[in-house]
Protein backbone atom coordinates (compact mmCIF):
# COMPACT_ATOMS: atom_id res chain seq x y z
CA MET A 1 29.82 6.06 -17.93
CA ASN A 2 27.47 3.08 -18.20
CA TYR A 3 25.36 1.10 -15.76
CA ASN A 4 23.16 -1.60 -17.30
CA LEU A 5 20.37 -3.00 -15.14
CA LEU A 6 20.45 -6.40 -16.83
CA GLN A 7 23.98 -7.08 -15.58
CA GLU A 8 24.66 -4.81 -12.62
CA ARG A 9 23.86 -6.16 -9.18
CA TRP A 10 21.28 -3.66 -7.93
CA ILE A 11 18.19 -5.65 -6.84
CA PRO A 12 18.46 -6.71 -3.17
CA VAL A 13 17.28 -10.30 -2.63
CA LEU A 14 16.97 -12.86 0.13
CA TRP A 15 17.93 -16.32 -1.13
CA THR A 16 16.10 -19.43 0.04
CA ASN A 17 19.24 -20.53 1.94
CA GLY A 18 19.02 -17.41 4.11
CA GLU A 19 21.80 -15.43 2.47
CA VAL A 20 21.28 -11.91 1.13
CA GLY A 21 22.77 -10.34 -1.96
CA ARG A 22 22.10 -8.22 -5.03
CA VAL A 23 21.35 -9.37 -8.57
CA GLY A 24 20.55 -7.95 -11.99
CA ILE A 25 17.25 -8.31 -13.84
CA LYS A 26 18.16 -11.51 -15.73
CA THR A 27 19.47 -13.29 -12.66
CA ALA A 28 16.39 -12.28 -10.65
CA LEU A 29 14.20 -14.06 -13.20
CA THR A 30 16.33 -17.06 -14.11
CA GLU A 31 17.15 -17.78 -10.44
CA SER A 32 13.72 -16.79 -9.10
CA GLY A 33 13.08 -20.30 -7.77
CA HIS A 34 16.05 -19.88 -5.39
CA ILE A 35 15.09 -16.36 -4.27
CA ARG A 36 12.83 -16.18 -1.24
CA GLN A 37 11.82 -12.55 -1.75
CA ILE A 38 12.95 -9.06 -2.70
CA ALA A 39 14.93 -7.73 0.28
CA ALA A 40 14.60 -3.94 -0.06
CA SER A 41 13.97 -2.29 3.31
CA ASN A 42 11.14 -0.04 2.07
CA PRO A 43 7.91 -1.85 1.09
CA MET A 44 7.40 0.65 -1.75
CA ASP A 45 10.62 -0.59 -3.35
CA ARG A 46 9.69 -4.24 -2.88
CA VAL A 47 6.29 -3.93 -4.54
CA ALA A 48 7.73 -1.75 -7.33
CA ILE A 49 10.44 -4.32 -8.14
CA ILE A 50 7.98 -7.23 -8.13
CA ARG A 51 5.63 -5.43 -10.51
CA PHE A 52 8.53 -4.44 -12.74
CA LEU A 53 9.79 -8.04 -12.95
CA LEU A 54 6.24 -9.18 -13.74
CA ALA A 55 6.12 -6.65 -16.58
CA VAL A 56 9.46 -7.94 -17.91
CA LEU A 57 8.10 -11.50 -17.79
CA TYR A 58 5.03 -10.50 -19.81
CA TRP A 59 7.16 -8.56 -22.30
CA CYS A 60 9.57 -11.42 -22.91
CA LYS A 61 7.27 -14.45 -22.74
CA GLY A 62 3.74 -13.17 -23.20
CA ASP A 63 0.83 -14.93 -21.52
CA PRO A 64 1.32 -18.14 -19.54
CA LEU A 65 -0.04 -21.39 -20.89
CA PRO A 66 -3.71 -21.96 -19.95
CA ASP A 67 -2.82 -25.03 -17.86
CA ALA A 68 0.31 -23.52 -16.24
CA ASP A 69 0.80 -24.27 -12.54
CA ALA A 70 0.63 -20.94 -10.71
CA THR A 71 2.30 -22.43 -7.62
CA SER A 72 5.31 -23.94 -9.40
CA GLY A 73 8.55 -22.96 -7.69
CA ASP A 74 10.77 -23.62 -10.71
CA SER A 75 12.93 -20.77 -11.96
CA PHE A 76 12.04 -19.35 -15.37
CA PRO A 77 14.13 -20.75 -18.26
CA ALA A 78 16.93 -18.51 -19.48
CA ASP A 79 15.88 -18.85 -23.14
CA TRP A 80 12.62 -17.05 -22.35
CA PHE A 81 14.54 -13.81 -21.94
CA SER A 82 16.53 -13.55 -25.18
CA LYS A 83 14.51 -10.40 -25.89
CA LEU A 84 16.41 -8.69 -23.07
CA ASP A 85 19.72 -9.26 -24.83
CA ASP A 86 18.28 -7.93 -28.08
CA SER A 87 17.14 -4.76 -26.26
CA PHE A 88 20.22 -4.33 -24.08
CA ASP A 89 20.35 -0.53 -24.56
CA CYS A 90 16.84 -0.07 -23.15
CA PHE A 91 18.20 -0.95 -19.71
CA ASN A 92 21.15 1.44 -19.61
CA LEU A 93 20.72 3.61 -16.53
CA LEU A 94 23.62 5.87 -17.55
CA SER A 95 24.80 6.32 -21.13
CA ASP A 96 24.99 8.87 -23.92
CA GLY A 97 22.23 7.10 -25.87
CA LYS A 98 18.97 5.50 -24.87
CA ARG A 99 18.33 5.21 -21.15
CA PHE A 100 16.04 3.20 -18.89
CA TYR A 101 12.85 5.13 -17.96
CA GLN A 102 14.50 8.44 -18.96
CA TYR A 103 14.14 11.18 -21.57
CA ARG A 104 14.64 14.94 -21.58
CA LYS A 105 13.86 18.09 -23.50
CA HIS A 106 15.90 21.14 -24.35
CA GLY A 107 15.95 23.59 -21.45
CA ASP A 108 15.18 21.06 -18.71
CA LYS A 109 16.70 22.18 -15.42
CA LEU A 110 18.64 19.96 -13.08
CA LEU A 111 17.24 19.42 -9.59
CA SER A 112 18.30 17.26 -6.67
CA ALA A 113 18.33 13.56 -7.53
CA ASN A 114 16.83 12.98 -4.08
CA TYR A 115 13.41 13.81 -5.54
CA LEU A 116 13.33 10.17 -6.66
CA ILE A 117 13.11 8.86 -3.07
CA HIS A 118 10.03 9.91 -1.12
CA GLU A 119 11.47 9.69 2.38
CA ILE A 120 14.47 11.95 1.69
CA PRO A 121 13.80 15.69 2.25
CA THR A 122 14.48 18.01 -0.69
CA GLY A 123 14.12 21.73 -1.30
CA THR A 124 12.30 23.37 1.62
CA ASN A 125 10.79 20.16 3.00
CA LYS A 126 11.27 19.71 6.73
CA TRP A 127 14.14 17.65 8.10
CA HIS A 128 12.86 15.07 10.56
CA PHE A 129 14.88 11.91 11.17
CA ARG A 130 17.02 12.25 8.05
CA HIS A 131 19.01 15.35 7.11
CA SER A 132 19.85 15.97 3.48
CA THR A 133 21.36 18.89 1.58
CA ASP A 134 20.63 19.27 -2.13
CA GLU A 135 23.66 18.85 -4.40
CA VAL A 136 25.73 17.64 -1.46
CA GLU A 137 24.12 14.30 -0.64
CA GLY A 138 23.15 12.03 -3.51
CA LEU A 139 21.95 8.58 -4.52
CA CYS A 140 23.86 5.54 -5.74
CA PRO A 141 22.83 4.19 -9.17
CA ALA A 142 20.92 1.26 -7.58
CA CYS A 143 18.76 3.61 -5.50
CA CYS A 144 18.18 5.81 -8.56
CA ALA A 145 16.91 2.74 -10.42
CA MET A 146 14.54 1.87 -7.57
CA GLY A 147 13.37 5.48 -7.44
CA LEU A 148 12.50 5.30 -11.14
CA LEU A 149 10.53 2.10 -10.53
CA ARG A 150 8.48 3.86 -7.84
CA LEU A 151 7.25 6.54 -10.25
CA PRO A 152 4.41 4.56 -11.91
CA LEU A 153 3.06 3.35 -8.54
CA PHE A 154 3.56 6.08 -5.94
CA SER A 155 3.79 9.43 -7.74
CA THR A 156 1.39 12.00 -6.29
CA SER A 157 0.08 15.20 -7.82
CA GLY A 158 2.92 17.71 -7.82
CA GLY A 159 1.24 20.84 -9.11
CA ARG A 160 0.61 22.15 -12.60
CA GLY A 161 1.73 19.72 -15.27
CA LYS A 162 2.81 17.13 -12.71
CA PRO A 163 0.09 14.48 -12.69
CA PRO A 164 0.00 11.53 -10.30
CA GLY A 165 0.57 7.97 -11.51
CA ILE A 166 -2.03 6.17 -13.56
CA ASN A 167 -3.85 5.09 -10.38
CA ALA A 168 -4.23 8.76 -9.31
CA LYS A 169 -3.90 9.02 -5.54
CA PRO A 170 -1.64 6.03 -4.70
CA PRO A 171 -3.94 3.11 -3.82
CA ILE A 172 -3.35 0.00 -1.74
CA TYR A 173 -1.59 -2.68 -3.77
CA VAL A 174 -2.31 -6.33 -2.92
CA ILE A 175 0.23 -8.93 -4.04
CA PRO A 176 -0.29 -12.70 -3.54
CA MET A 177 3.01 -13.94 -2.13
CA GLY A 178 4.38 -17.46 -2.57
CA GLU A 179 7.25 -19.45 -1.09
CA SER A 180 9.70 -17.98 -3.62
CA LEU A 181 9.94 -15.11 -6.06
CA ALA A 182 9.07 -17.53 -8.87
CA VAL A 183 5.77 -18.47 -7.20
CA THR A 184 5.01 -14.84 -6.37
CA LEU A 185 5.41 -13.82 -10.03
CA ARG A 186 3.41 -16.80 -11.32
CA LEU A 187 0.51 -16.00 -8.98
CA SER A 188 0.10 -12.62 -10.73
CA TRP A 189 0.87 -13.91 -14.25
CA ARG A 190 -2.47 -14.25 -16.05
CA GLN A 191 -3.93 -14.35 -19.56
CA ILE A 192 -4.11 -10.79 -20.93
CA SER A 193 -5.78 -9.67 -24.16
CA ASP A 194 -3.71 -6.52 -24.79
CA LEU A 195 -0.15 -6.18 -23.47
CA GLY A 196 0.91 -2.97 -25.23
CA ILE A 197 4.44 -1.62 -24.89
CA PRO A 198 6.37 -0.74 -21.70
CA ALA A 199 8.04 2.56 -20.79
CA TRP A 200 11.58 1.15 -21.03
CA GLU A 201 10.90 0.61 -24.74
CA GLN A 202 9.39 4.10 -25.17
CA PRO A 203 10.07 6.36 -22.11
CA ASP A 204 7.89 9.22 -23.41
CA LEU A 205 4.93 6.87 -23.79
CA GLN A 206 1.57 8.66 -23.49
CA LEU A 207 -1.65 7.29 -22.06
CA PRO A 208 -4.48 6.74 -24.56
CA GLU A 209 -7.26 9.34 -24.47
CA ILE A 210 -10.03 6.75 -24.62
CA GLY A 211 -10.44 3.00 -24.35
CA GLU A 212 -8.58 0.33 -22.43
CA VAL A 213 -5.06 1.03 -21.26
CA PRO A 214 -2.80 -1.94 -22.21
CA LEU A 215 -1.28 -3.83 -19.29
CA LEU A 216 2.40 -2.99 -19.83
CA THR A 217 1.56 0.65 -20.48
CA GLY A 218 -0.39 0.86 -17.22
CA LEU A 219 2.27 -0.94 -15.19
CA THR A 220 5.15 1.25 -16.39
CA TRP A 221 3.75 4.65 -17.46
CA LEU A 222 5.93 7.53 -16.19
CA PRO A 223 4.25 10.67 -14.77
CA ARG A 224 7.56 12.58 -14.67
CA ARG A 225 10.30 13.32 -17.18
CA VAL A 226 13.60 12.21 -15.68
CA TRP A 227 17.22 12.31 -16.82
CA LEU A 228 19.99 11.38 -14.39
CA ASP A 229 23.15 13.45 -14.28
CA ASN A 230 26.39 11.47 -14.35
CA PRO A 231 28.01 10.70 -10.97
CA LYS A 232 30.48 13.37 -9.91
CA GLY A 233 33.01 13.93 -7.18
CA PRO A 234 34.72 11.44 -4.87
CA GLU A 235 33.01 8.37 -3.47
CA SER A 236 30.62 9.03 -0.59
CA ALA A 237 27.72 7.40 1.27
CA CYS A 238 24.36 7.12 -0.48
CA ILE A 239 21.78 9.17 1.44
CA SER A 240 19.24 6.35 0.92
CA CYS A 241 21.07 3.04 1.44
CA GLY A 242 24.50 4.09 2.77
CA ARG A 243 26.61 2.30 0.14
CA ILE A 244 29.95 3.97 -0.64
CA GLU A 245 30.06 4.79 -4.34
CA HIS A 246 30.22 7.68 -6.77
CA MET A 247 26.92 9.49 -6.15
CA ILE A 248 24.35 10.89 -8.58
CA LYS A 249 23.44 14.26 -7.09
CA LEU A 250 21.39 15.93 -9.83
CA CYS A 251 18.70 14.94 -12.31
CA VAL A 252 15.93 16.31 -14.48
CA PHE A 253 12.64 15.87 -12.64
CA ALA A 254 10.20 17.73 -14.84
CA PRO A 255 6.44 17.95 -15.49
CA ILE A 256 5.00 16.14 -18.51
CA GLY A 257 1.78 18.17 -18.83
CA SER A 258 -1.84 17.36 -18.06
CA THR A 259 -3.13 13.83 -18.64
CA LYS A 260 -6.83 14.68 -18.20
CA THR A 261 -9.18 13.56 -20.95
CA GLY A 262 -11.43 16.01 -22.75
CA GLU A 263 -14.77 17.05 -21.33
CA GLY A 264 -17.51 14.73 -22.52
CA SER A 265 -14.95 12.13 -23.57
CA PRO A 266 -15.69 8.51 -22.56
CA GLY A 267 -12.24 8.54 -21.00
CA ARG A 268 -9.66 5.83 -20.56
CA ILE A 269 -10.23 2.57 -18.71
CA TRP A 270 -7.58 1.07 -16.45
CA ARG A 271 -8.06 -1.75 -13.96
CA ASP A 272 -4.87 -2.40 -12.08
CA PRO A 273 -4.36 -6.13 -11.43
CA HIS A 274 -3.09 -5.51 -7.88
CA VAL A 275 -5.54 -2.86 -6.65
CA ILE A 276 -8.63 -3.36 -4.49
CA TYR A 277 -11.68 -1.67 -6.01
CA GLU A 278 -14.92 -0.82 -4.21
CA GLN A 279 -18.22 -0.03 -5.87
CA SER A 280 -19.69 3.35 -5.03
CA GLY A 281 -23.46 3.68 -5.03
CA LYS A 282 -23.44 7.45 -5.49
CA GLY A 283 -25.10 8.75 -8.64
CA ASP A 284 -27.21 6.98 -11.22
CA ILE A 285 -24.33 4.82 -12.47
CA PRO A 286 -22.29 2.96 -9.82
CA SER A 287 -18.56 3.42 -10.24
CA LEU A 288 -15.45 1.67 -8.95
CA HIS A 289 -13.03 3.40 -6.64
CA SER A 290 -9.67 2.11 -5.44
CA LEU A 291 -9.04 1.55 -1.75
CA HIS A 292 -6.52 3.94 -0.20
CA ALA A 293 -4.52 4.12 2.99
CA TYR A 294 -6.10 6.60 5.37
CA ASP A 295 -4.60 9.96 6.22
CA ALA A 296 -3.41 9.42 9.80
CA LEU A 297 -3.16 13.19 10.34
CA GLY A 298 -6.80 13.79 9.48
CA ALA A 299 -7.95 12.78 12.97
CA ALA A 300 -6.45 11.07 15.99
CA ASP A 301 -7.93 7.69 15.03
CA ALA A 302 -8.39 8.24 11.26
CA ALA A 303 -6.14 5.32 10.29
CA ALA A 304 -6.79 3.11 13.32
CA GLY A 305 -9.35 0.77 11.78
CA GLN A 306 -8.10 0.67 8.20
CA TRP A 307 -6.55 -2.78 8.66
CA ALA A 308 -10.03 -4.32 8.92
CA LYS A 309 -11.21 -2.73 5.68
CA ILE A 310 -8.03 -3.76 3.91
CA MET A 311 -8.28 -7.36 5.09
CA ALA A 312 -11.88 -7.72 3.92
CA GLY A 313 -11.00 -6.27 0.52
CA MET A 314 -7.97 -8.53 0.15
CA LEU A 315 -9.86 -11.73 0.91
CA ARG A 316 -12.64 -10.82 -1.52
CA LYS A 317 -10.14 -10.08 -4.29
CA VAL A 318 -7.91 -13.15 -4.39
CA ALA A 319 -8.96 -16.75 -5.06
CA ARG A 320 -8.20 -19.05 -2.13
CA ASN A 321 -4.89 -20.89 -2.09
CA ASP A 322 -3.50 -22.59 1.00
CA ARG A 323 0.13 -21.98 0.03
CA ILE A 324 0.14 -18.23 -0.30
CA SER A 325 -0.04 -15.11 1.82
CA LEU A 326 -1.57 -11.78 0.90
CA TRP A 327 0.69 -8.74 1.08
CA ALA A 328 -0.77 -5.24 1.05
CA VAL A 329 1.26 -2.05 0.57
CA GLY A 330 -0.27 1.40 0.82
CA PHE A 331 1.03 4.96 0.73
CA SER A 332 -1.03 7.47 2.67
CA THR A 333 -0.85 11.10 1.63
CA VAL A 334 -1.96 14.46 2.97
CA GLN A 335 -4.01 16.65 0.61
CA ASN A 336 -3.19 14.26 -2.25
CA ASP A 337 0.34 15.56 -2.75
CA LYS A 338 2.23 15.51 0.56
CA TYR A 339 4.08 12.38 1.52
CA LEU A 340 3.16 10.77 4.82
CA GLU A 341 3.98 7.11 5.36
CA ALA A 342 4.06 3.67 3.78
CA ILE A 343 2.10 0.84 5.40
CA GLU A 344 2.12 -2.89 4.81
CA TYR A 345 0.26 -5.97 6.00
CA LEU A 346 1.14 -9.62 5.42
CA VAL A 347 -1.70 -12.08 6.06
CA PRO A 348 -1.66 -15.89 5.77
CA PHE A 349 -4.57 -17.07 3.67
CA PRO A 350 -7.44 -18.88 5.47
CA SER A 351 -7.47 -22.64 4.98
CA SER A 352 -11.07 -22.89 3.70
CA GLN A 353 -13.63 -20.86 1.80
CA ASN A 354 -16.04 -21.11 4.73
CA GLN A 355 -13.36 -19.71 7.02
CA THR A 356 -12.82 -16.81 4.62
CA GLU A 357 -16.52 -15.94 4.55
CA THR A 358 -16.77 -16.16 8.35
CA PHE A 359 -13.75 -13.89 8.74
CA ILE A 360 -15.22 -11.27 6.39
CA GLU A 361 -18.50 -11.31 8.36
CA LYS A 362 -16.62 -10.85 11.62
CA ILE A 363 -14.51 -8.04 10.14
CA GLU A 364 -17.68 -6.21 9.09
CA GLN A 365 -19.20 -6.76 12.55
CA TRP A 366 -16.00 -5.44 14.17
CA GLN A 367 -16.06 -2.30 12.03
CA LYS A 368 -19.71 -1.64 12.85
CA GLN A 369 -19.26 -2.20 16.57
CA CYS A 370 -16.12 -0.08 16.87
CA GLY A 371 -17.69 2.65 14.77
CA GLY A 372 -20.62 2.76 17.20
CA LEU A 373 -18.60 3.02 20.41
CA VAL A 374 -18.95 6.80 20.62
CA ARG A 375 -22.73 6.62 20.25
CA ASN A 376 -23.02 3.81 22.81
CA LEU A 377 -20.78 5.58 25.28
CA VAL A 378 -22.72 8.85 24.97
CA ARG A 379 -25.94 6.92 25.56
CA LYS A 380 -24.48 5.22 28.62
CA VAL A 381 -23.18 8.48 30.10
CA LYS A 382 -26.51 10.23 29.55
CA THR A 383 -28.30 7.37 31.27
CA GLN A 384 -26.02 7.64 34.28
CA HIS A 385 -26.22 11.45 34.42
CA VAL A 386 -29.96 12.00 34.45
CA LYS A 387 -29.75 15.70 35.31
CA ALA A 388 -27.33 16.41 32.46
CA SER A 389 -29.04 14.28 29.83
CA SER A 390 -29.31 17.22 27.41
CA ARG A 391 -25.52 17.63 27.14
CA LYS A 392 -23.86 16.58 23.90
CA HIS A 393 -20.77 15.26 25.71
CA VAL A 394 -18.24 16.57 23.20
CA GLU A 395 -15.46 15.20 25.42
CA ILE A 396 -16.27 11.58 24.51
CA PRO A 397 -15.10 11.37 20.85
CA PRO A 398 -11.59 12.68 21.67
CA VAL A 399 -11.02 10.24 24.54
CA LEU A 400 -12.09 7.29 22.39
CA ALA A 401 -9.94 8.54 19.53
CA ALA A 402 -6.98 8.54 21.92
CA ILE A 403 -7.29 4.84 22.78
CA ARG A 404 -8.51 3.34 19.52
CA PRO A 405 -5.17 3.31 17.62
CA HIS A 406 -3.54 1.33 20.43
CA VAL A 407 -6.35 -1.24 20.59
CA GLU A 408 -6.65 -1.63 16.82
CA GLY A 409 -2.89 -2.05 16.55
CA THR A 410 -2.92 -4.78 19.19
CA VAL A 411 -5.84 -6.60 17.55
CA SER A 412 -4.45 -6.39 14.00
CA ALA A 413 -1.19 -7.97 15.21
CA ARG A 414 -3.17 -11.12 16.07
CA MET A 415 -4.38 -11.68 12.53
CA ASP A 416 -3.51 -15.39 12.49
CA LYS A 417 -5.60 -16.03 15.62
CA LEU A 418 -8.54 -14.04 14.25
CA LEU A 419 -8.43 -16.07 11.03
CA SER A 420 -8.56 -19.43 12.79
CA GLY A 421 -9.85 -18.75 16.32
CA GLY A 422 -13.54 -18.22 15.64
CA ASP A 423 -15.88 -16.37 18.01
CA ASN A 424 -13.60 -16.73 21.05
CA ALA A 425 -10.73 -14.93 19.30
CA TRP A 426 -12.99 -12.01 18.37
CA GLU A 427 -14.42 -11.76 21.89
CA GLN A 428 -10.86 -11.64 23.21
CA ALA A 429 -10.16 -8.88 20.68
CA ALA A 430 -13.13 -6.91 22.04
CA ALA A 431 -11.79 -7.41 25.56
CA GLU A 432 -8.68 -5.40 24.56
CA TYR A 433 -10.85 -2.34 25.03
CA SER A 434 -11.52 -3.18 28.72
CA PRO A 435 -8.44 -1.61 30.37
CA MET A 436 -8.74 1.43 28.15
CA MET A 437 -12.44 1.84 28.91
CA ASP A 438 -11.60 1.61 32.61
CA ALA A 439 -9.30 4.60 32.16
CA ILE A 440 -11.98 6.50 30.25
CA ALA A 441 -14.53 5.72 32.97
CA LYS A 442 -12.26 7.25 35.62
CA SER A 443 -11.91 10.34 33.47
CA LEU A 444 -15.62 10.75 32.81
CA SER A 445 -16.77 9.88 36.31
CA PRO A 446 -14.16 10.93 38.90
CA GLY A 447 -14.79 10.85 42.64
CA PHE A 448 -15.27 8.27 45.36
CA THR A 449 -19.00 8.40 46.00
CA ILE A 450 -21.15 5.33 45.53
CA SER A 451 -22.85 6.89 42.50
CA ALA A 452 -19.51 7.81 40.88
CA VAL A 453 -18.17 4.27 41.33
CA GLN A 454 -21.38 2.82 39.88
CA ARG A 455 -21.17 5.17 36.89
CA ARG A 456 -17.59 4.09 36.25
CA LYS A 457 -18.60 0.43 36.28
CA GLU A 458 -21.38 1.04 33.76
CA ILE A 459 -19.20 3.15 31.46
CA ALA A 460 -16.43 0.51 31.50
CA LYS A 461 -18.92 -2.07 30.18
CA VAL A 462 -19.15 -0.33 26.81
CA LEU A 463 -17.26 -2.70 24.51
CA PRO A 464 -17.65 -4.00 20.95
CA ASP A 465 -20.27 -6.77 20.94
CA MET A 466 -18.62 -9.60 18.97
CA ARG A 467 -21.06 -12.32 19.94
CA PRO A 468 -22.65 -14.23 17.02
CA LYS A 469 -25.25 -12.05 15.33
CA ALA A 470 -28.21 -14.19 16.35
CA GLU A 471 -27.15 -14.02 19.98
CA SER A 472 -26.31 -10.32 20.04
CA ALA A 473 -29.60 -9.43 18.32
CA GLU A 474 -31.59 -10.75 21.29
CA LYS A 475 -31.82 -7.48 23.15
CA THR A 476 -34.77 -6.02 25.00
CA HIS A 477 -35.88 -2.66 23.65
CA ARG A 478 -37.91 -0.29 25.77
CA LYS A 479 -41.14 0.67 24.07
CA LYS A 480 -41.53 4.21 22.85
CA GLY A 481 -43.05 6.30 25.62
CA GLY A 482 -41.73 4.10 28.42
CA GLU A 483 -43.57 1.69 30.67
CA LYS A 484 -47.25 2.17 31.36
């Protein structure tokens, strides 16, 4: 049985005329000017397909011309991709010979093919909203292909010999998005000094021990050894997408061994073109660390404010362009190896550099103010409860943690207004805390006495201060030791 990804219609797309359909690799590139975007339902699949098509573009055409228009919506010429026809066998998903992103060794055991899709339970994993039974439910060839494309981006540590992807714990990927797939690919297509070879050309490709990792190697390196079993049995529904086809129910999903470099080795260097990096000041030599989606199970509000940090990192990373949006996709994990959830944000780019800088300043102010709410509330409560001023008020952090996800979710949904609304928009964002702080005040100061009502009023006033810095800095501070 054969299934070639160049010809088969497996990539879901939304055309610019509003219709949806599926295309092969060549059509996706040569008709990219007429494709609005990749139409997979899971953001992990969408970002994986975009990065894969970008890698194919580099492999076939090389670097763009220095004066190429990154916002051109023209489809890529068909003659750029003659290399695909010459390497037709590299893109066979199922065949007796060479296969796409697959290789195996003698003695490899077959496991459930559902290991390729993160959100489908396998083995002893808990069943939540989707029930699946190994060797009974399976995946269609298209979903298997998308599962293979996820491996370089979203693989987590799976135990001994099962390393994560090249970016270690899956980071947040930021993709500049244009009006069509052609523009989206061109916005990420840049001059590169060392392309290297991709994993579809050499599936057992190993990472270099030291030095720079070539671009195509980094974009496509496989942290698992996979070999798909042939479809068996009658047609049935795919456990991932629901299409009725002959299902692939088993595959090799094996460890490849450790990828750690030797002790004392200078190590390998890899800078992913779509990852946000932050500089860490710890130690004598500052190092760069990728930005990750927070573990929402770590605390009640652990992931509540991550949108602000992501937005600031995105706007610092990408050069301003009025015709694009910034799309961020993250995959939060528990203990580095348990799957949790995928997140995504799509943000229209600010219209001016000054607006970008102002937004970043306000984001940082918002983070500081929201991070200090617990401290401010404790101070306010202690002031109102003179006799109990020595209490630590351990009840305050949990009640704030209970309301913060709701408020941060409401505020982040108004991204367009925050980008263009100035100080008023941010003060309105701070006001979203008011009804929640009223509820907290009733909890912390119950009763109907005059003093209880006054305490509630004072507690409810604790809000993020989003006034301009010069204005908010004008506060009276009581001198140490009090009045004399």
